[in-house]
Amino acid sequence: MPHIDFKNDFPGIRGAAFYRPETGKHLYYLAQVLLHGPSPLKEAERELIAAYVSHKNDCMFCTNSHAAAARCLYGEEKKLVDDVLNDMKLSGINDKMKALLNIAGKVQLSGTEVTPEDIAAAKALNADDREIHDTVLIASAFSMYNRYVDGLACITPTDTKLYEEMGKRMALGYTT
């Protein structure tokens, strides 16, 4: 049960966004730009970063919904999403994504955890400045989204089918 009365029964961030549409619309727009706007990172990779950071933050709603979206976008390779969430380092994701997820995981702890060595390791695997920038911004934004959702105890469904449906919608983009 949410800590406050949202005057709606929407799960996750949607309930909070509809409670305050004047801020919610900007949060959704930011998610749209970060996860579906122009970027050298594929949409599936960006959704994976969002799911990974959410997983590290123990935000079940955001982990489940963004993992579902990433699975849809990865298609035949959807198993990579669960592999990353189970153990990123042992997963079958490519080395460049591992380096970017390492950076995202450090941002999740604190931006100051990211070292020049982390950046150099990503660049050695052909990550460019924009990919690094977008990774850090997605990790930062999702740490905020996770705290927003969990800080208000937003409704977090347990039905995996619900997340599958949510993931299909999210894979197409974000609107309020």
N, C-alpha and C. Protein backbone atom coordinates (compact mmCIF):
# COMPACT_ATOMS: atom_id res chain seq x y z
N MET A 1 0.84 -1.18 0.00
CA MET A 1 0.00 0.00 0.00
C MET A 1 0.89 1.24 0.00
N PRO A 2 0.63 2.18 -0.92
CA PRO A 2 1.46 3.39 -0.99
C PRO A 2 1.39 4.19 0.32
N HIS A 3 2.46 4.91 0.58
CA HIS A 3 2.53 5.74 1.78
C HIS A 3 1.53 6.90 1.75
N ILE A 4 1.15 7.34 0.54
CA ILE A 4 0.18 8.42 0.40
C ILE A 4 -0.93 7.96 -0.55
N ASP A 5 -2.05 8.64 -0.50
CA ASP A 5 -3.18 8.30 -1.36
C ASP A 5 -2.99 8.97 -2.72
N PHE A 6 -2.64 8.16 -3.73
CA PHE A 6 -2.44 8.69 -5.08
C PHE A 6 -3.76 8.99 -5.79
N LYS A 7 -4.86 8.57 -5.21
CA LYS A 7 -6.19 8.74 -5.83
C LYS A 7 -6.28 7.98 -7.15
N ASN A 8 -5.47 6.90 -7.29
CA ASN A 8 -5.53 6.01 -8.44
C ASN A 8 -4.93 4.68 -8.03
N ASP A 9 -5.13 3.67 -8.85
CA ASP A 9 -4.62 2.33 -8.56
C ASP A 9 -3.53 1.89 -9.53
N PHE A 10 -2.88 2.86 -10.20
CA PHE A 10 -1.85 2.50 -11.16
C PHE A 10 -0.62 1.97 -10.43
N PRO A 11 0.02 0.94 -10.97
CA PRO A 11 1.22 0.41 -10.33
C PRO A 11 2.45 1.27 -10.61
N GLY A 12 3.42 1.14 -9.72
CA GLY A 12 4.73 1.75 -9.91
C GLY A 12 4.70 3.25 -10.09
N ILE A 13 5.63 3.72 -10.88
CA ILE A 13 5.81 5.15 -11.09
C ILE A 13 4.58 5.79 -11.74
N ARG A 14 3.81 5.00 -12.45
CA ARG A 14 2.61 5.53 -13.11
C ARG A 14 1.64 6.12 -12.09
N GLY A 15 1.46 5.46 -10.95
CA GLY A 15 0.59 5.99 -9.91
C GLY A 15 1.06 7.32 -9.39
N ALA A 16 2.36 7.44 -9.14
CA ALA A 16 2.93 8.70 -8.65
C ALA A 16 2.88 9.78 -9.74
N ALA A 17 3.12 9.39 -10.98
CA ALA A 17 3.11 10.37 -12.08
C ALA A 17 1.71 10.93 -12.31
N PHE A 18 0.69 10.09 -12.19
CA PHE A 18 -0.67 10.58 -12.36
C PHE A 18 -1.13 11.40 -11.15
N TYR A 19 -0.55 11.15 -10.00
CA TYR A 19 -0.85 11.94 -8.81
C TYR A 19 -0.37 13.39 -8.99
N ARG A 20 0.81 13.55 -9.59
CA ARG A 20 1.38 14.87 -9.87
C ARG A 20 1.74 14.97 -11.34
N PRO A 21 0.73 15.13 -12.22
CA PRO A 21 0.99 15.12 -13.66
C PRO A 21 1.93 16.24 -14.11
N GLU A 22 1.97 17.34 -13.39
CA GLU A 22 2.87 18.43 -13.78
C GLU A 22 4.34 18.05 -13.63
N THR A 23 4.66 17.10 -12.75
CA THR A 23 6.03 16.58 -12.68
C THR A 23 6.13 15.25 -13.42
N GLY A 24 5.06 14.45 -13.34
CA GLY A 24 5.07 13.14 -13.99
C GLY A 24 5.36 13.20 -15.47
N LYS A 25 4.78 14.20 -16.15
CA LYS A 25 5.00 14.28 -17.60
C LYS A 25 6.47 14.50 -17.94
N HIS A 26 7.18 15.22 -17.08
CA HIS A 26 8.60 15.46 -17.33
C HIS A 26 9.44 14.21 -17.04
N LEU A 27 9.03 13.45 -16.03
CA LEU A 27 9.73 12.20 -15.74
C LEU A 27 9.57 11.21 -16.89
N TYR A 28 8.36 11.14 -17.43
CA TYR A 28 8.10 10.25 -18.58
C TYR A 28 8.86 10.73 -19.81
N TYR A 29 8.91 12.04 -20.02
CA TYR A 29 9.63 12.57 -21.17
C TYR A 29 11.13 12.23 -21.05
N LEU A 30 11.68 12.38 -19.83
CA LEU A 30 13.08 12.04 -19.63
C LEU A 30 13.32 10.57 -19.93
N ALA A 31 12.45 9.69 -19.45
CA ALA A 31 12.59 8.26 -19.74
C ALA A 31 12.52 8.00 -21.24
N GLN A 32 11.61 8.69 -21.92
CA GLN A 32 11.49 8.53 -23.37
C GLN A 32 12.78 8.91 -24.09
N VAL A 33 13.34 10.05 -23.73
CA VAL A 33 14.57 10.52 -24.37
C VAL A 33 15.73 9.57 -24.05
N LEU A 34 15.86 9.19 -22.78
CA LEU A 34 16.98 8.34 -22.38
C LEU A 34 16.92 6.94 -22.98
N LEU A 35 15.72 6.37 -23.02
CA LEU A 35 15.61 4.97 -23.40
C LEU A 35 15.19 4.74 -24.85
N HIS A 36 14.61 5.76 -25.48
CA HIS A 36 14.13 5.58 -26.85
C HIS A 36 14.55 6.70 -27.80
N GLY A 37 15.21 7.73 -27.29
CA GLY A 37 15.68 8.80 -28.15
C GLY A 37 16.97 8.41 -28.86
N PRO A 38 17.51 9.32 -29.66
CA PRO A 38 18.75 9.02 -30.36
C PRO A 38 19.90 8.71 -29.39
N SER A 39 20.62 7.66 -29.68
CA SER A 39 21.78 7.24 -28.87
C SER A 39 22.53 6.18 -29.66
N PRO A 40 23.85 6.13 -29.48
CA PRO A 40 24.59 5.03 -30.11
C PRO A 40 24.29 3.68 -29.44
N LEU A 41 23.73 3.72 -28.23
CA LEU A 41 23.33 2.49 -27.55
C LEU A 41 21.97 2.06 -28.07
N LYS A 42 21.80 0.76 -28.29
CA LYS A 42 20.52 0.23 -28.73
C LYS A 42 19.49 0.41 -27.61
N GLU A 43 18.23 0.47 -27.98
CA GLU A 43 17.17 0.60 -26.97
C GLU A 43 17.22 -0.56 -25.98
N ALA A 44 17.49 -1.76 -26.46
CA ALA A 44 17.58 -2.92 -25.57
C ALA A 44 18.69 -2.73 -24.54
N GLU A 45 19.81 -2.20 -24.97
CA GLU A 45 20.94 -1.96 -24.05
C GLU A 45 20.58 -0.92 -23.00
N ARG A 46 19.87 0.11 -23.43
CA ARG A 46 19.48 1.17 -22.48
C ARG A 46 18.46 0.66 -21.47
N GLU A 47 17.50 -0.15 -21.93
CA GLU A 47 16.54 -0.75 -21.00
C GLU A 47 17.26 -1.70 -20.03
N LEU A 48 18.27 -2.39 -20.53
CA LEU A 48 19.06 -3.28 -19.68
C LEU A 48 19.79 -2.49 -18.60
N ILE A 49 20.36 -1.36 -18.96
CA ILE A 49 21.03 -0.51 -17.97
C ILE A 49 20.01 -0.09 -16.90
N ALA A 50 18.82 0.32 -17.33
CA ALA A 50 17.77 0.73 -16.38
C ALA A 50 17.40 -0.43 -15.46
N ALA A 51 17.25 -1.62 -16.02
CA ALA A 51 16.90 -2.80 -15.21
C ALA A 51 18.03 -3.16 -14.26
N TYR A 52 19.27 -3.09 -14.74
CA TYR A 52 20.43 -3.44 -13.93
C TYR A 52 20.57 -2.52 -12.72
N VAL A 53 20.48 -1.22 -12.95
CA VAL A 53 20.57 -0.25 -11.86
C VAL A 53 19.41 -0.44 -10.89
N SER A 54 18.22 -0.65 -11.42
CA SER A 54 17.04 -0.87 -10.57
C SER A 54 17.22 -2.13 -9.72
N HIS A 55 17.79 -3.17 -10.33
CA HIS A 55 18.07 -4.41 -9.59
C HIS A 55 19.05 -4.14 -8.46
N LYS A 56 20.11 -3.41 -8.74
CA LYS A 56 21.10 -3.09 -7.71
C LYS A 56 20.49 -2.23 -6.60
N ASN A 57 19.48 -1.44 -6.95
CA ASN A 57 18.79 -0.61 -5.95
C ASN A 57 17.66 -1.36 -5.26
N ASP A 58 17.46 -2.63 -5.59
CA ASP A 58 16.38 -3.44 -5.01
C ASP A 58 15.00 -2.84 -5.25
N CYS A 59 14.83 -2.16 -6.37
CA CYS A 59 13.52 -1.61 -6.74
C CYS A 59 12.83 -2.65 -7.62
N MET A 60 11.97 -3.43 -7.00
CA MET A 60 11.36 -4.56 -7.70
C MET A 60 10.49 -4.12 -8.88
N PHE A 61 9.71 -3.05 -8.70
CA PHE A 61 8.85 -2.62 -9.80
C PHE A 61 9.69 -2.23 -11.02
N CYS A 62 10.67 -1.37 -10.83
CA CYS A 62 11.48 -0.91 -11.97
C CYS A 62 12.33 -2.03 -12.55
N THR A 63 12.86 -2.91 -11.70
CA THR A 63 13.62 -4.05 -12.20
C THR A 63 12.75 -4.90 -13.11
N ASN A 64 11.59 -5.29 -12.60
CA ASN A 64 10.72 -6.19 -13.36
C ASN A 64 10.18 -5.55 -14.64
N SER A 65 9.78 -4.29 -14.57
CA SER A 65 9.20 -3.66 -15.76
C SER A 65 10.26 -3.38 -16.83
N HIS A 66 11.43 -2.89 -16.43
CA HIS A 66 12.46 -2.59 -17.43
C HIS A 66 13.15 -3.86 -17.94
N ALA A 67 13.24 -4.88 -17.10
CA ALA A 67 13.75 -6.16 -17.58
C ALA A 67 12.79 -6.73 -18.62
N ALA A 68 11.50 -6.60 -18.38
CA ALA A 68 10.51 -7.08 -19.35
C ALA A 68 10.62 -6.32 -20.67
N ALA A 69 10.81 -5.01 -20.60
CA ALA A 69 10.99 -4.21 -21.82
C ALA A 69 12.27 -4.63 -22.54
N ALA A 70 13.34 -4.82 -21.79
CA ALA A 70 14.62 -5.24 -22.39
C ALA A 70 14.47 -6.59 -23.06
N ARG A 71 13.77 -7.52 -22.42
CA ARG A 71 13.56 -8.84 -23.02
C ARG A 71 12.84 -8.72 -24.36
N CYS A 72 11.81 -7.88 -24.40
CA CYS A 72 11.09 -7.66 -25.67
C CYS A 72 12.03 -7.13 -26.74
N LEU A 73 12.84 -6.17 -26.36
CA LEU A 73 13.74 -5.53 -27.34
C LEU A 73 14.89 -6.44 -27.76
N TYR A 74 15.35 -7.29 -26.86
CA TYR A 74 16.42 -8.23 -27.21
C TYR A 74 15.90 -9.38 -28.07
N GLY A 75 14.60 -9.63 -28.03
CA GLY A 75 14.02 -10.67 -28.87
C GLY A 75 14.62 -12.03 -28.60
N GLU A 76 15.24 -12.63 -29.62
CA GLU A 76 15.81 -13.98 -29.52
C GLU A 76 16.92 -14.06 -28.46
N GLU A 77 17.51 -12.94 -28.13
CA GLU A 77 18.60 -12.93 -27.14
C GLU A 77 18.12 -12.51 -25.75
N LYS A 78 16.81 -12.61 -25.50
CA LYS A 78 16.23 -12.11 -24.25
C LYS A 78 16.82 -12.76 -23.00
N LYS A 79 17.37 -13.95 -23.11
CA LYS A 79 17.98 -14.62 -21.97
C LYS A 79 19.13 -13.80 -21.38
N LEU A 80 19.76 -12.97 -22.20
CA LEU A 80 20.86 -12.12 -21.72
C LEU A 80 20.42 -11.24 -20.55
N VAL A 81 19.17 -10.79 -20.58
CA VAL A 81 18.67 -9.89 -19.53
C VAL A 81 18.74 -10.60 -18.18
N ASP A 82 18.19 -11.79 -18.10
CA ASP A 82 18.21 -12.53 -16.84
C ASP A 82 19.63 -12.92 -16.44
N ASP A 83 20.45 -13.25 -17.41
CA ASP A 83 21.84 -13.58 -17.12
C ASP A 83 22.56 -12.39 -16.49
N VAL A 84 22.34 -11.19 -17.03
CA VAL A 84 22.96 -9.99 -16.49
C VAL A 84 22.47 -9.74 -15.06
N LEU A 85 21.17 -9.87 -14.84
CA LEU A 85 20.62 -9.62 -13.51
C LEU A 85 21.08 -10.67 -12.49
N ASN A 86 21.34 -11.88 -12.95
CA ASN A 86 21.83 -12.93 -12.05
C ASN A 86 23.30 -12.75 -11.72
N ASP A 87 24.12 -12.45 -12.72
CA ASP A 87 25.56 -12.23 -12.51
C ASP A 87 26.13 -11.58 -13.76
N MET A 88 26.17 -10.28 -13.74
CA MET A 88 26.59 -9.52 -14.92
C MET A 88 27.95 -9.97 -15.43
N LYS A 89 28.89 -10.19 -14.53
CA LYS A 89 30.25 -10.54 -14.96
C LYS A 89 30.32 -11.89 -15.67
N LEU A 90 29.46 -12.82 -15.29
CA LEU A 90 29.46 -14.14 -15.92
C LEU A 90 28.47 -14.26 -17.07
N SER A 91 27.72 -13.20 -17.31
CA SER A 91 26.70 -13.23 -18.36
C SER A 91 27.34 -13.25 -19.75
N GLY A 92 26.53 -13.54 -20.74
CA GLY A 92 26.99 -13.60 -22.13
C GLY A 92 26.94 -12.27 -22.85
N ILE A 93 26.65 -11.20 -22.13
CA ILE A 93 26.61 -9.86 -22.75
C ILE A 93 28.03 -9.52 -23.22
N ASN A 94 28.15 -8.72 -24.26
CA ASN A 94 29.48 -8.41 -24.78
C ASN A 94 30.30 -7.59 -23.79
N ASP A 95 31.61 -7.62 -23.98
CA ASP A 95 32.53 -6.98 -23.03
C ASP A 95 32.33 -5.47 -22.93
N LYS A 96 31.99 -4.82 -24.03
CA LYS A 96 31.75 -3.38 -23.96
C LYS A 96 30.55 -3.09 -23.05
N MET A 97 29.47 -3.87 -23.18
CA MET A 97 28.31 -3.67 -22.31
C MET A 97 28.65 -3.99 -20.86
N LYS A 98 29.49 -4.99 -20.64
CA LYS A 98 29.92 -5.28 -19.27
C LYS A 98 30.64 -4.08 -18.67
N ALA A 99 31.50 -3.44 -19.47
CA ALA A 99 32.23 -2.27 -18.98
C ALA A 99 31.26 -1.12 -18.70
N LEU A 100 30.27 -0.94 -19.57
CA LEU A 100 29.28 0.12 -19.35
C LEU A 100 28.39 -0.20 -18.15
N LEU A 101 28.00 -1.45 -17.99
CA LEU A 101 27.21 -1.84 -16.82
C LEU A 101 28.02 -1.70 -15.53
N ASN A 102 29.32 -1.95 -15.61
CA ASN A 102 30.18 -1.72 -14.45
C ASN A 102 30.13 -0.24 -14.04
N ILE A 103 30.20 0.64 -15.03
CA ILE A 103 30.11 2.08 -14.75
C ILE A 103 28.74 2.40 -14.16
N ALA A 104 27.68 1.86 -14.76
CA ALA A 104 26.33 2.11 -14.25
C ALA A 104 26.19 1.65 -12.81
N GLY A 105 26.76 0.49 -12.49
CA GLY A 105 26.71 -0.03 -11.13
C GLY A 105 27.44 0.85 -10.15
N LYS A 106 28.51 1.46 -10.60
CA LYS A 106 29.23 2.38 -9.71
C LYS A 106 28.46 3.68 -9.53
N VAL A 107 27.83 4.17 -10.58
CA VAL A 107 26.98 5.37 -10.47
C VAL A 107 25.85 5.10 -9.48
N GLN A 108 25.29 3.89 -9.52
CA GLN A 108 24.21 3.53 -8.61
C GLN A 108 24.64 3.71 -7.16
N LEU A 109 25.90 3.44 -6.85
CA LEU A 109 26.42 3.62 -5.50
C LEU A 109 26.67 5.10 -5.21
N SER A 110 27.40 5.73 -6.12
CA SER A 110 27.75 7.16 -6.01
C SER A 110 28.52 7.52 -7.27
N GLY A 111 28.24 8.68 -7.81
CA GLY A 111 28.96 9.11 -9.00
C GLY A 111 30.47 9.14 -8.80
N THR A 112 30.90 9.39 -7.57
CA THR A 112 32.34 9.47 -7.30
C THR A 112 33.02 8.11 -7.31
N GLU A 113 32.23 7.03 -7.38
CA GLU A 113 32.80 5.68 -7.46
C GLU A 113 33.40 5.40 -8.84
N VAL A 114 32.94 6.12 -9.86
CA VAL A 114 33.45 5.92 -11.22
C VAL A 114 34.86 6.50 -11.28
N THR A 115 35.80 5.67 -11.76
CA THR A 115 37.20 6.08 -11.81
C THR A 115 37.66 6.29 -13.25
N PRO A 116 38.77 6.98 -13.43
CA PRO A 116 39.34 7.10 -14.77
C PRO A 116 39.64 5.72 -15.37
N GLU A 117 39.98 4.76 -14.54
CA GLU A 117 40.26 3.41 -15.02
C GLU A 117 39.00 2.74 -15.58
N ASP A 118 37.86 3.01 -14.94
CA ASP A 118 36.58 2.47 -15.44
C ASP A 118 36.28 3.02 -16.83
N ILE A 119 36.51 4.31 -16.99
CA ILE A 119 36.26 4.96 -18.28
C ILE A 119 37.25 4.44 -19.33
N ALA A 120 38.51 4.33 -18.94
CA ALA A 120 39.53 3.82 -19.87
C ALA A 120 39.21 2.38 -20.30
N ALA A 121 38.72 1.57 -19.36
CA ALA A 121 38.37 0.18 -19.70
C ALA A 121 37.23 0.15 -20.71
N ALA A 122 36.25 1.01 -20.54
CA ALA A 122 35.13 1.06 -21.49
C ALA A 122 35.62 1.55 -22.85
N LYS A 123 36.45 2.57 -22.84
CA LYS A 123 36.97 3.11 -24.11
C LYS A 123 37.86 2.10 -24.82
N ALA A 124 38.60 1.30 -24.06
CA ALA A 124 39.45 0.26 -24.66
C ALA A 124 38.61 -0.79 -25.39
N LEU A 125 37.33 -0.87 -25.02
CA LEU A 125 36.41 -1.81 -25.67
C LEU A 125 35.52 -1.09 -26.68
N ASN A 126 35.98 0.08 -27.12
CA ASN A 126 35.32 0.88 -28.14
C ASN A 126 34.05 1.60 -27.71
N ALA A 127 33.85 1.80 -26.41
CA ALA A 127 32.75 2.65 -25.97
C ALA A 127 33.16 4.09 -26.25
N ASP A 128 32.28 4.85 -26.86
CA ASP A 128 32.61 6.24 -27.14
C ASP A 128 32.05 7.14 -26.03
N ASP A 129 32.41 8.41 -26.12
CA ASP A 129 32.01 9.36 -25.08
C ASP A 129 30.49 9.43 -24.92
N ARG A 130 29.75 9.38 -26.01
CA ARG A 130 28.29 9.46 -25.93
C ARG A 130 27.72 8.23 -25.23
N GLU A 131 28.26 7.05 -25.52
CA GLU A 131 27.78 5.83 -24.85
C GLU A 131 28.04 5.90 -23.35
N ILE A 132 29.21 6.40 -22.99
CA ILE A 132 29.54 6.56 -21.56
C ILE A 132 28.63 7.59 -20.92
N HIS A 133 28.45 8.72 -21.59
CA HIS A 133 27.55 9.76 -21.09
C HIS A 133 26.14 9.21 -20.87
N ASP A 134 25.60 8.54 -21.88
CA ASP A 134 24.23 8.04 -21.80
C ASP A 134 24.10 6.98 -20.69
N THR A 135 25.12 6.15 -20.53
CA THR A 135 25.11 5.15 -19.46
C THR A 135 25.03 5.82 -18.10
N VAL A 136 25.87 6.83 -17.88
CA VAL A 136 25.89 7.52 -16.59
C VAL A 136 24.57 8.24 -16.34
N LEU A 137 24.01 8.86 -17.37
CA LEU A 137 22.75 9.58 -17.19
C LEU A 137 21.60 8.61 -16.93
N ILE A 138 21.55 7.49 -17.64
CA ILE A 138 20.49 6.49 -17.38
C ILE A 138 20.63 5.95 -15.96
N ALA A 139 21.85 5.62 -15.56
CA ALA A 139 22.07 5.10 -14.20
C ALA A 139 21.66 6.13 -13.14
N SER A 140 21.99 7.37 -13.38
CA SER A 140 21.63 8.44 -12.44
C SER A 140 20.12 8.61 -12.37
N ALA A 141 19.48 8.71 -13.52
CA ALA A 141 18.04 8.91 -13.56
C ALA A 141 17.30 7.74 -12.93
N PHE A 142 17.75 6.52 -13.20
CA PHE A 142 17.05 5.38 -12.64
C PHE A 142 17.28 5.22 -11.15
N SER A 143 18.39 5.70 -10.65
CA SER A 143 18.54 5.72 -9.20
C SER A 143 17.49 6.66 -8.60
N MET A 144 17.24 7.80 -9.26
CA MET A 144 16.19 8.71 -8.80
C MET A 144 14.82 8.06 -8.95
N TYR A 145 14.51 7.49 -10.11
CA TYR A 145 13.21 6.85 -10.31
C TYR A 145 12.98 5.76 -9.26
N ASN A 146 14.01 4.96 -9.00
CA ASN A 146 13.88 3.88 -8.01
C ASN A 146 13.56 4.43 -6.63
N ARG A 147 14.21 5.48 -6.25
CA ARG A 147 13.97 6.08 -4.94
C ARG A 147 12.58 6.71 -4.87
N TYR A 148 12.13 7.26 -5.97
CA TYR A 148 10.78 7.84 -6.05
C TYR A 148 9.74 6.74 -5.86
N VAL A 149 9.86 5.65 -6.60
CA VAL A 149 8.91 4.54 -6.54
C VAL A 149 8.92 3.90 -5.15
N ASP A 150 10.10 3.58 -4.64
CA ASP A 150 10.18 2.90 -3.35
C ASP A 150 9.96 3.84 -2.17
N GLY A 151 10.36 5.09 -2.33
CA GLY A 151 10.17 6.06 -1.25
C GLY A 151 8.71 6.36 -0.98
N LEU A 152 7.86 6.19 -2.00
CA LEU A 152 6.42 6.37 -1.82
C LEU A 152 5.68 5.04 -1.69
N ALA A 153 6.44 3.94 -1.69
CA ALA A 153 5.87 2.58 -1.60
C ALA A 153 4.79 2.39 -2.67
N CYS A 154 5.14 2.75 -3.90
CA CYS A 154 4.20 2.59 -5.01
C CYS A 154 3.78 1.13 -5.14
N ILE A 155 2.62 0.92 -5.70
CA ILE A 155 2.10 -0.43 -5.89
C ILE A 155 3.08 -1.24 -6.75
N THR A 156 3.46 -2.40 -6.25
CA THR A 156 4.40 -3.28 -6.95
C THR A 156 3.73 -4.64 -7.16
N PRO A 157 3.20 -4.86 -8.36
CA PRO A 157 2.55 -6.15 -8.63
C PRO A 157 3.54 -7.31 -8.52
N THR A 158 3.01 -8.49 -8.27
CA THR A 158 3.85 -9.69 -8.21
C THR A 158 3.60 -10.62 -9.39
N ASP A 159 2.58 -10.35 -10.19
CA ASP A 159 2.22 -11.19 -11.33
C ASP A 159 3.17 -10.94 -12.50
N THR A 160 3.94 -11.96 -12.87
CA THR A 160 4.91 -11.81 -13.96
C THR A 160 4.24 -11.51 -15.30
N LYS A 161 3.03 -12.01 -15.50
CA LYS A 161 2.29 -11.73 -16.75
C LYS A 161 2.03 -10.24 -16.89
N LEU A 162 1.74 -9.57 -15.79
CA LEU A 162 1.50 -8.14 -15.81
C LEU A 162 2.75 -7.40 -16.30
N TYR A 163 3.92 -7.84 -15.82
CA TYR A 163 5.17 -7.21 -16.26
C TYR A 163 5.46 -7.50 -17.72
N GLU A 164 5.12 -8.69 -18.18
CA GLU A 164 5.32 -9.00 -19.60
C GLU A 164 4.52 -8.04 -20.47
N GLU A 165 3.27 -7.79 -20.10
CA GLU A 165 2.43 -6.85 -20.85
C GLU A 165 2.99 -5.43 -20.75
N MET A 166 3.41 -5.05 -19.56
CA MET A 166 4.01 -3.74 -19.35
C MET A 166 5.25 -3.58 -20.23
N GLY A 167 6.08 -4.63 -20.25
CA GLY A 167 7.31 -4.60 -21.04
C GLY A 167 7.04 -4.40 -22.52
N LYS A 168 5.98 -5.02 -23.02
CA LYS A 168 5.62 -4.85 -24.43
C LYS A 168 5.26 -3.39 -24.72
N ARG A 169 4.50 -2.78 -23.82
CA ARG A 169 4.14 -1.36 -24.01
C ARG A 169 5.36 -0.46 -23.88
N MET A 170 6.18 -0.73 -22.87
CA MET A 170 7.36 0.11 -22.62
C MET A 170 8.37 0.01 -23.76
N ALA A 171 8.47 -1.16 -24.36
CA ALA A 171 9.40 -1.33 -25.48
C ALA A 171 9.06 -0.41 -26.65
N LEU A 172 7.83 0.06 -26.69
CA LEU A 172 7.38 0.98 -27.74
C LEU A 172 7.60 2.44 -27.39
N GLY A 173 7.81 2.73 -26.09
CA GLY A 173 8.05 4.10 -25.67
C GLY A 173 7.26 4.46 -24.43
N TYR A 174 7.49 5.67 -23.96
CA TYR A 174 6.92 6.13 -22.69
C TYR A 174 6.03 7.34 -22.89
N THR A 175 4.80 7.17 -22.49
CA THR A 175 3.84 8.29 -22.47
C THR A 175 3.04 8.18 -21.19
N THR A 176 2.54 9.28 -20.74
CA THR A 176 1.70 9.25 -19.52
C THR A 176 0.26 9.01 -19.88
